[in-house]
Amino acid sequence: MYLHIGQETVVPMREIVGIFDMENTTISKSTRTFLNEAERNGRVITVGDDLPKSFVVCQTEDNLQTVYISQISCATLLKRAESFRSI
């Protein structure tokens, strides 16, 4: 199964480590450091041009992490992800 995270971007559900609210989590210095490090390493993909509302951390089978910055709210992404559990 895949999760649509904005624009024309989908990510495999099995690779998702977490879905985070941009406004609430970036208050933490640890989160800002994590996001800055990911960006320095070229591991951040911005989905869309609108104001970012959430970010999705994915880890591939080769243990590489990618951070997707999405304009879709965390709550909406979580509802989409949870809808697959009932299938």
PDB file of N, CA and C in Angstrom:
ATOM      1  N   MET A   1       0.824  -1.174   0.000  1.00  0.00           N
ATOM      2  CA  MET A   1       0.000   0.000   0.000  1.00  0.00           C
ATOM      3  C   MET A   1       0.875   1.247   0.000  1.00  0.00           C
ATOM      4  N   TYR A   2       0.325   2.299  -0.567  1.00  0.00           N
ATOM      5  CA  TYR A   2       1.035   3.560  -0.673  1.00  0.00           C
ATOM      6  C   TYR A   2       0.210   4.681  -0.051  1.00  0.00           C
ATOM      7  N   LEU A   3       0.902   5.674   0.497  1.00  0.00           N
ATOM      8  CA  LEU A   3       0.242   6.830   1.081  1.00  0.00           C
ATOM      9  C   LEU A   3       0.504   8.046   0.208  1.00  0.00           C
ATOM     10  N   HIS A   4      -0.573   8.709  -0.221  1.00  0.00           N
ATOM     11  CA  HIS A   4      -0.457   9.940  -1.005  1.00  0.00           C
ATOM     12  C   HIS A   4      -0.169  11.082  -0.047  1.00  0.00           C
ATOM     13  N   ILE A   5       0.988  11.759  -0.209  1.00  0.00           N
ATOM     14  CA  ILE A   5       1.378  12.810   0.730  1.00  0.00           C
ATOM     15  C   ILE A   5       1.339  14.211   0.122  1.00  0.00           C
ATOM     16  N   GLY A   6       0.827  14.317  -1.098  1.00  0.00           N
ATOM     17  CA  GLY A   6       0.703  15.631  -1.716  1.00  0.00           C
ATOM     18  C   GLY A   6       1.182  15.627  -3.145  1.00  0.00           C
ATOM     19  N   GLN A   7       0.637  16.599  -3.903  1.00  0.00           N
ATOM     20  CA  GLN A   7       0.947  16.709  -5.327  1.00  0.00           C
ATOM     21  C   GLN A   7       0.817  15.328  -5.976  1.00  0.00           C
ATOM     22  N   GLU A   8       1.868  14.872  -6.609  1.00  0.00           N
ATOM     23  CA  GLU A   8       1.840  13.553  -7.257  1.00  0.00           C
ATOM     24  C   GLU A   8       2.795  12.594  -6.543  1.00  0.00           C
ATOM     25  N   THR A   9       2.949  12.759  -5.249  1.00  0.00           N
ATOM     26  CA  THR A   9       3.920  11.978  -4.492  1.00  0.00           C
ATOM     27  C   THR A   9       3.231  10.955  -3.606  1.00  0.00           C
ATOM     28  N   VAL A  10       3.678   9.718  -3.720  1.00  0.00           N
ATOM     29  CA  VAL A  10       3.212   8.643  -2.853  1.00  0.00           C
ATOM     30  C   VAL A  10       4.442   7.938  -2.279  1.00  0.00           C
ATOM     31  N   VAL A  11       4.279   7.422  -1.065  1.00  0.00           N
ATOM     32  CA  VAL A  11       5.372   6.678  -0.438  1.00  0.00           C
ATOM     33  C   VAL A  11       4.829   5.335   0.041  1.00  0.00           C
ATOM     34  N   PRO A  12       5.652   4.284  -0.002  1.00  0.00           N
ATOM     35  CA  PRO A  12       5.206   2.983   0.491  1.00  0.00           C
ATOM     36  C   PRO A  12       4.941   3.046   1.996  1.00  0.00           C
ATOM     37  N   MET A  13       3.824   2.507   2.425  1.00  0.00           N
ATOM     38  CA  MET A  13       3.452   2.510   3.838  1.00  0.00           C
ATOM     39  C   MET A  13       4.513   1.801   4.688  1.00  0.00           C
ATOM     40  N   ARG A  14       5.103   0.746   4.168  1.00  0.00           N
ATOM     41  CA  ARG A  14       6.071  -0.029   4.946  1.00  0.00           C
ATOM     42  C   ARG A  14       7.348   0.766   5.249  1.00  0.00           C
ATOM     43  N   GLU A  15       7.610   1.847   4.505  1.00  0.00           N
ATOM     44  CA  GLU A  15       8.809   2.650   4.716  1.00  0.00           C
ATOM     45  C   GLU A  15       8.591   3.813   5.685  1.00  0.00           C
ATOM     46  N   ILE A  16       7.353   4.094   6.052  1.00  0.00           N
ATOM     47  CA  ILE A  16       7.064   5.253   6.901  1.00  0.00           C
ATOM     48  C   ILE A  16       7.464   4.964   8.341  1.00  0.00           C
ATOM     49  N   VAL A  17       8.332   5.822   8.862  1.00  0.00           N
ATOM     50  CA  VAL A  17       8.763   5.744  10.256  1.00  0.00           C
ATOM     51  C   VAL A  17       7.832   6.589  11.116  1.00  0.00           C
ATOM     52  N   GLY A  18       7.446   7.760  10.603  1.00  0.00           N
ATOM     53  CA  GLY A  18       6.570   8.637  11.362  1.00  0.00           C
ATOM     54  C   GLY A  18       6.029   9.777  10.528  1.00  0.00           C
ATOM     55  N   ILE A  19       4.906  10.311  10.981  1.00  0.00           N
ATOM     56  CA  ILE A  19       4.269  11.472  10.365  1.00  0.00           C
ATOM     57  C   ILE A  19       4.181  12.522  11.463  1.00  0.00           C
ATOM     58  N   PHE A  20       4.727  13.707  11.202  1.00  0.00           N
ATOM     59  CA  PHE A  20       4.873  14.708  12.239  1.00  0.00           C
ATOM     60  C   PHE A  20       4.279  16.048  11.829  1.00  0.00           C
ATOM     61  N   ASP A  21       3.702  16.729  12.797  1.00  0.00           N
ATOM     62  CA  ASP A  21       3.158  18.064  12.587  1.00  0.00           C
ATOM     63  C   ASP A  21       4.310  19.068  12.582  1.00  0.00           C
ATOM     64  N   MET A  22       4.418  19.850  11.535  1.00  0.00           N
ATOM     65  CA  MET A  22       5.536  20.773  11.375  1.00  0.00           C
ATOM     66  C   MET A  22       5.555  21.843  12.470  1.00  0.00           C
ATOM     67  N   GLU A  23       4.402  22.419  12.774  1.00  0.00           N
ATOM     68  CA  GLU A  23       4.344  23.519  13.732  1.00  0.00           C
ATOM     69  C   GLU A  23       4.701  23.072  15.149  1.00  0.00           C
ATOM     70  N   ASN A  24       4.177  21.947  15.568  1.00  0.00           N
ATOM     71  CA  ASN A  24       4.404  21.492  16.944  1.00  0.00           C
ATOM     72  C   ASN A  24       5.773  20.871  17.170  1.00  0.00           C
ATOM     73  N   THR A  25       6.298  20.173  16.191  1.00  0.00           N
ATOM     74  CA  THR A  25       7.556  19.445  16.424  1.00  0.00           C
ATOM     75  C   THR A  25       8.795  20.292  16.201  1.00  0.00           C
ATOM     76  N   THR A  26       8.704  21.323  15.366  1.00  0.00           N
ATOM     77  CA  THR A  26       9.905  22.127  15.097  1.00  0.00           C
ATOM     78  C   THR A  26      10.231  23.087  16.233  1.00  0.00           C
ATOM     79  N   ILE A  27       9.434  23.071  17.287  1.00  0.00           N
ATOM     80  CA  ILE A  27       9.763  23.845  18.489  1.00  0.00           C
ATOM     81  C   ILE A  27      10.992  23.232  19.156  1.00  0.00           C
ATOM     82  N   SER A  28      11.112  21.913  19.051  1.00  0.00           N
ATOM     83  CA  SER A  28      12.209  21.185  19.680  1.00  0.00           C
ATOM     84  C   SER A  28      13.520  21.378  18.905  1.00  0.00           C
ATOM     85  N   LYS A  29      14.578  21.643  19.641  1.00  0.00           N
ATOM     86  CA  LYS A  29      15.891  21.800  19.023  1.00  0.00           C
ATOM     87  C   LYS A  29      16.337  20.498  18.350  1.00  0.00           C
ATOM     88  N   SER A  30      15.994  19.365  18.959  1.00  0.00           N
ATOM     89  CA  SER A  30      16.364  18.059  18.395  1.00  0.00           C
ATOM     90  C   SER A  30      15.751  17.858  17.018  1.00  0.00           C
ATOM     91  N   THR A  31      14.489  18.250  16.873  1.00  0.00           N
ATOM     92  CA  THR A  31      13.815  18.097  15.584  1.00  0.00           C
ATOM     93  C   THR A  31      14.426  19.026  14.553  1.00  0.00           C
ATOM     94  N   ARG A  32      14.695  20.260  14.934  1.00  0.00           N
ATOM     95  CA  ARG A  32      15.324  21.201  13.998  1.00  0.00           C
ATOM     96  C   ARG A  32      16.690  20.694  13.556  1.00  0.00           C
ATOM     97  N   THR A  33      17.448  20.140  14.501  1.00  0.00           N
ATOM     98  CA  THR A  33      18.765  19.578  14.171  1.00  0.00           C
ATOM     99  C   THR A  33      18.618  18.410  13.197  1.00  0.00           C
ATOM    100  N   PHE A  34      17.653  17.523  13.466  1.00  0.00           N
ATOM    101  CA  PHE A  34      17.395  16.379  12.577  1.00  0.00           C
ATOM    102  C   PHE A  34      17.055  16.847  11.167  1.00  0.00           C
ATOM    103  N   LEU A  35      16.152  17.820  11.056  1.00  0.00           N
ATOM    104  CA  LEU A  35      15.740  18.315   9.740  1.00  0.00           C
ATOM    105  C   LEU A  35      16.889  19.028   9.024  1.00  0.00           C
ATOM    106  N   ASN A  36      17.675  19.801   9.750  1.00  0.00           N
ATOM    107  CA  ASN A  36      18.834  20.477   9.142  1.00  0.00           C
ATOM    108  C   ASN A  36      19.857  19.475   8.636  1.00  0.00           C
ATOM    109  N   GLU A  37      20.099  18.436   9.414  1.00  0.00           N
ATOM    110  CA  GLU A  37      21.042  17.384   9.017  1.00  0.00           C
ATOM    111  C   GLU A  37      20.551  16.650   7.769  1.00  0.00           C
ATOM    112  N   ALA A  38      19.271  16.336   7.748  1.00  0.00           N
ATOM    113  CA  ALA A  38      18.692  15.662   6.580  1.00  0.00           C
ATOM    114  C   ALA A  38      18.813  16.543   5.338  1.00  0.00           C
ATOM    115  N   GLU A  39      18.589  17.835   5.506  1.00  0.00           N
ATOM    116  CA  GLU A  39      18.695  18.748   4.364  1.00  0.00           C
ATOM    117  C   GLU A  39      20.135  18.861   3.880  1.00  0.00           C
ATOM    118  N   ARG A  40      21.076  18.936   4.818  1.00  0.00           N
ATOM    119  CA  ARG A  40      22.502  18.998   4.442  1.00  0.00           C
ATOM    120  C   ARG A  40      22.925  17.764   3.657  1.00  0.00           C
ATOM    121  N   ASN A  41      22.338  16.616   3.986  1.00  0.00           N
ATOM    122  CA  ASN A  41      22.679  15.362   3.316  1.00  0.00           C
ATOM    123  C   ASN A  41      21.851  15.109   2.068  1.00  0.00           C
ATOM    124  N   GLY A  42      21.032  16.072   1.668  1.00  0.00           N
ATOM    125  CA  GLY A  42      20.227  15.921   0.454  1.00  0.00           C
ATOM    126  C   GLY A  42      19.098  14.927   0.607  1.00  0.00           C
ATOM    127  N   ARG A  43      18.591  14.751   1.832  1.00  0.00           N
ATOM    128  CA  ARG A  43      17.561  13.757   2.109  1.00  0.00           C
ATOM    129  C   ARG A  43      16.186  14.371   2.332  1.00  0.00           C
ATOM    130  N   VAL A  44      16.012  15.661   1.982  1.00  0.00           N
ATOM    131  CA  VAL A  44      14.717  16.319   2.156  1.00  0.00           C
ATOM    132  C   VAL A  44      14.094  16.566   0.786  1.00  0.00           C
ATOM    133  N   ILE A  45      12.844  16.161   0.649  1.00  0.00           N
ATOM    134  CA  ILE A  45      12.086  16.380  -0.589  1.00  0.00           C
ATOM    135  C   ILE A  45      10.859  17.200  -0.220  1.00  0.00           C
ATOM    136  N   THR A  46      10.727  18.364  -0.826  1.00  0.00           N
ATOM    137  CA  THR A  46       9.573  19.217  -0.574  1.00  0.00           C
ATOM    138  C   THR A  46       8.489  18.889  -1.583  1.00  0.00           C
ATOM    139  N   VAL A  47       7.315  18.578  -1.079  1.00  0.00           N
ATOM    140  CA  VAL A  47       6.178  18.204  -1.918  1.00  0.00           C
ATOM    141  C   VAL A  47       5.254  19.416  -1.987  1.00  0.00           C
ATOM    142  N   GLY A  48       5.256  20.114  -3.090  1.00  0.00           N
ATOM    143  CA  GLY A  48       4.379  21.274  -3.257  1.00  0.00           C
ATOM    144  C   GLY A  48       5.049  22.574  -2.869  1.00  0.00           C
ATOM    145  N   ASP A  49       4.376  23.664  -3.198  1.00  0.00           N
ATOM    146  CA  ASP A  49       4.915  24.997  -2.958  1.00  0.00           C
ATOM    147  C   ASP A  49       4.209  25.732  -1.829  1.00  0.00           C
ATOM    148  N   ASP A  50       3.134  25.162  -1.301  1.00  0.00           N
ATOM    149  CA  ASP A  50       2.376  25.814  -0.245  1.00  0.00           C
ATOM    150  C   ASP A  50       3.108  25.724   1.092  1.00  0.00           C
ATOM    151  N   LEU A  51       2.577  26.415   2.082  1.00  0.00           N
ATOM    152  CA  LEU A  51       3.123  26.401   3.428  1.00  0.00           C
ATOM    153  C   LEU A  51       3.165  24.966   3.962  1.00  0.00           C
ATOM    154  N   PRO A  52       4.331  24.489   4.417  1.00  0.00           N
ATOM    155  CA  PRO A  52       4.414  23.112   4.921  1.00  0.00           C
ATOM    156  C   PRO A  52       3.651  22.947   6.225  1.00  0.00           C
ATOM    157  N   LYS A  53       2.911  21.836   6.305  1.00  0.00           N
ATOM    158  CA  LYS A  53       2.134  21.553   7.504  1.00  0.00           C
ATOM    159  C   LYS A  53       2.626  20.305   8.230  1.00  0.00           C
ATOM    160  N   SER A  54       3.317  19.434   7.510  1.00  0.00           N
ATOM    161  CA  SER A  54       3.772  18.192   8.135  1.00  0.00           C
ATOM    162  C   SER A  54       5.025  17.696   7.438  1.00  0.00           C
ATOM    163  N   PHE A  55       5.667  16.717   8.084  1.00  0.00           N
ATOM    164  CA  PHE A  55       6.753  16.025   7.397  1.00  0.00           C
ATOM    165  C   PHE A  55       6.655  14.541   7.700  1.00  0.00           C
ATOM    166  N   VAL A  56       7.054  13.752   6.710  1.00  0.00           N
ATOM    167  CA  VAL A  56       6.978  12.294   6.794  1.00  0.00           C
ATOM    168  C   VAL A  56       8.400  11.756   6.694  1.00  0.00           C
ATOM    169  N   VAL A  57       8.786  10.959   7.679  1.00  0.00           N
ATOM    170  CA  VAL A  57      10.112  10.348   7.675  1.00  0.00           C
ATOM    171  C   VAL A  57       9.956   8.918   7.183  1.00  0.00           C
ATOM    172  N   CYS A  58      10.722   8.586   6.149  1.00  0.00           N
ATOM    173  CA  CYS A  58      10.698   7.232   5.578  1.00  0.00           C
ATOM    174  C   CYS A  58      12.093   6.637   5.651  1.00  0.00           C
ATOM    175  N   GLN A  59      12.136   5.332   5.816  1.00  0.00           N
ATOM    176  CA  GLN A  59      13.406   4.627   5.829  1.00  0.00           C
ATOM    177  C   GLN A  59      13.323   3.479   4.849  1.00  0.00           C
ATOM    178  N   THR A  60      14.245   3.463   3.896  1.00  0.00           N
ATOM    179  CA  THR A  60      14.247   2.429   2.869  1.00  0.00           C
ATOM    180  C   THR A  60      14.909   1.160   3.396  1.00  0.00           C
ATOM    181  N   GLU A  61      14.849   0.112   2.612  1.00  0.00           N
ATOM    182  CA  GLU A  61      15.426  -1.172   3.011  1.00  0.00           C
ATOM    183  C   GLU A  61      16.931  -1.091   3.234  1.00  0.00           C
ATOM    184  N   ASP A  62      17.597  -0.140   2.581  1.00  0.00           N
ATOM    185  CA  ASP A  62      19.038   0.023   2.775  1.00  0.00           C
ATOM    186  C   ASP A  62      19.349   1.016   3.905  1.00  0.00           C
ATOM    187  N   ASN A  63      18.348   1.250   4.787  1.00  0.00           N
ATOM    188  CA  ASN A  63      18.478   2.089   5.987  1.00  0.00           C
ATOM    189  C   ASN A  63      18.779   3.562   5.711  1.00  0.00           C
ATOM    190  N   LEU A  64      18.420   4.055   4.548  1.00  0.00           N
ATOM    191  CA  LEU A  64      18.549   5.471   4.259  1.00  0.00           C
ATOM    192  C   LEU A  64      17.235   6.162   4.595  1.00  0.00           C
ATOM    193  N   GLN A  65      17.328   7.290   5.275  1.00  0.00           N
ATOM    194  CA  GLN A  65      16.129   8.034   5.633  1.00  0.00           C
ATOM    195  C   GLN A  65      15.907   9.177   4.660  1.00  0.00           C
ATOM    196  N   THR A  66      14.639   9.389   4.307  1.00  0.00           N
ATOM    197  CA  THR A  66      14.225  10.507   3.485  1.00  0.00           C
ATOM    198  C   THR A  66      13.115  11.233   4.222  1.00  0.00           C
ATOM    199  N   VAL A  67      13.177  12.562   4.196  1.00  0.00           N
ATOM    200  CA  VAL A  67      12.159  13.377   4.840  1.00  0.00           C
ATOM    201  C   VAL A  67      11.366  14.083   3.746  1.00  0.00           C
ATOM    202  N   TYR A  68      10.061  13.871   3.747  1.00  0.00           N
ATOM    203  CA  TYR A  68       9.167  14.528   2.802  1.00  0.00           C
ATOM    204  C   TYR A  68       8.437  15.645   3.532  1.00  0.00           C
ATOM    205  N   ILE A  69       8.558  16.862   3.027  1.00  0.00           N
ATOM    206  CA  ILE A  69       7.857  18.014   3.587  1.00  0.00           C
ATOM    207  C   ILE A  69       6.567  18.164   2.790  1.00  0.00           C
ATOM    208  N   SER A  70       5.425  18.128   3.486  1.00  0.00           N
ATOM    209  CA  SER A  70       4.123  18.105   2.815  1.00  0.00           C
ATOM    210  C   SER A  70       3.255  19.282   3.231  1.00  0.00           C
ATOM    211  N   GLN A  71       2.404  19.730   2.320  1.00  0.00           N
ATOM    212  CA  GLN A  71       1.450  20.791   2.613  1.00  0.00           C
ATOM    213  C   GLN A  71       0.146  20.226   3.176  1.00  0.00           C
ATOM    214  N   ILE A  72       0.058  18.911   3.290  1.00  0.00           N
ATOM    215  CA  ILE A  72      -1.131  18.258   3.839  1.00  0.00           C
ATOM    216  C   ILE A  72      -0.943  18.111   5.354  1.00  0.00           C
ATOM    217  N   SER A  73      -1.999  18.364   6.105  1.00  0.00           N
ATOM    218  CA  SER A  73      -1.898  18.320   7.561  1.00  0.00           C
ATOM    219  C   SER A  73      -1.573  16.920   8.056  1.00  0.00           C
ATOM    220  N   CYS A  74      -0.961  16.895   9.199  1.00  0.00           N
ATOM    221  CA  CYS A  74      -0.609  15.642   9.865  1.00  0.00           C
ATOM    222  C   CYS A  74      -1.860  14.799  10.113  1.00  0.00           C
ATOM    223  N   ALA A  75      -2.928  15.429  10.561  1.00  0.00           N
ATOM    224  CA  ALA A  75      -4.175  14.713  10.857  1.00  0.00           C
ATOM    225  C   ALA A  75      -4.729  14.032   9.608  1.00  0.00           C
ATOM    226  N   THR A  76      -4.699  14.721   8.476  1.00  0.00           N
ATOM    227  CA  THR A  76      -5.202  14.135   7.235  1.00  0.00           C
ATOM    228  C   THR A  76      -4.343  12.955   6.798  1.00  0.00           C
ATOM    229  N   LEU A  77      -3.031  13.105   6.881  1.00  0.00           N
ATOM    230  CA  LEU A  77      -2.138  12.016   6.502  1.00  0.00           C
ATOM    231  C   LEU A  77      -2.334  10.803   7.411  1.00  0.00           C
ATOM    232  N   LEU A  78      -2.512  11.046   8.704  1.00  0.00           N
ATOM    233  CA  LEU A  78      -2.739   9.940   9.635  1.00  0.00           C
ATOM    234  C   LEU A  78      -4.057   9.231   9.345  1.00  0.00           C
ATOM    235  N   LYS A  79      -5.105   9.989   9.006  1.00  0.00           N
ATOM    236  CA  LYS A  79      -6.385   9.369   8.651  1.00  0.00           C
ATOM    237  C   LYS A  79      -6.239   8.506   7.410  1.00  0.00           C
ATOM    238  N   ARG A  80      -5.499   9.007   6.418  1.00  0.00           N
ATOM    239  CA  ARG A  80      -5.275   8.221   5.200  1.00  0.00           C
ATOM    240  C   ARG A  80      -4.523   6.935   5.530  1.00  0.00           C
ATOM    241  N   ALA A  81      -3.501   7.048   6.361  1.00  0.00           N
ATOM    242  CA  ALA A  81      -2.700   5.878   6.723  1.00  0.00           C
ATOM    243  C   ALA A  81      -3.536   4.867   7.498  1.00  0.00           C
ATOM    244  N   GLU A  82      -4.357   5.342   8.416  1.00  0.00           N
ATOM    245  CA  GLU A  82      -5.185   4.448   9.222  1.00  0.00           C
ATOM    246  C   GLU A  82      -6.278   3.773   8.409  1.00  0.00           C
ATOM    247  N   SER A  83      -6.696   4.403   7.329  1.00  0.00           N
ATOM    248  CA  SER A  83      -7.743   3.807   6.499  1.00  0.00           C
ATOM    249  C   SER A  83      -7.261   2.512   5.847  1.00  0.00           C
ATOM    250  N   PHE A  84      -5.946   2.353   5.690  1.00  0.00           N
ATOM    251  CA  PHE A  84      -5.413   1.129   5.088  1.00  0.00           C
ATOM    252  C   PHE A  84      -5.423  -0.033   6.072  1.00  0.00           C
ATOM    253  N   ARG A  85      -5.448   0.244   7.359  1.00  0.00           N
ATOM    254  CA  ARG A  85      -5.440  -0.825   8.345  1.00  0.00           C
ATOM    255  C   ARG A  85      -6.708  -1.658   8.313  1.00  0.00           C
ATOM    256  N   SER A  86      -7.813  -1.026   7.875  1.00  0.00           N
ATOM    257  CA  SER A  86      -9.076  -1.755   7.836  1.00  0.00           C
ATOM    258  C   SER A  86      -9.240  -2.585   6.571  1.00  0.00           C
ATOM    259  N   ILE A  87      -8.300  -2.444   5.646  1.00  0.00           N
ATOM    260  CA  ILE A  87      -8.400  -3.186   4.376  1.00  0.00           C
ATOM    261  C   ILE A  87      -7.780  -4.560   4.546  1.00  0.00           C
TER     262      ILE A  87
END
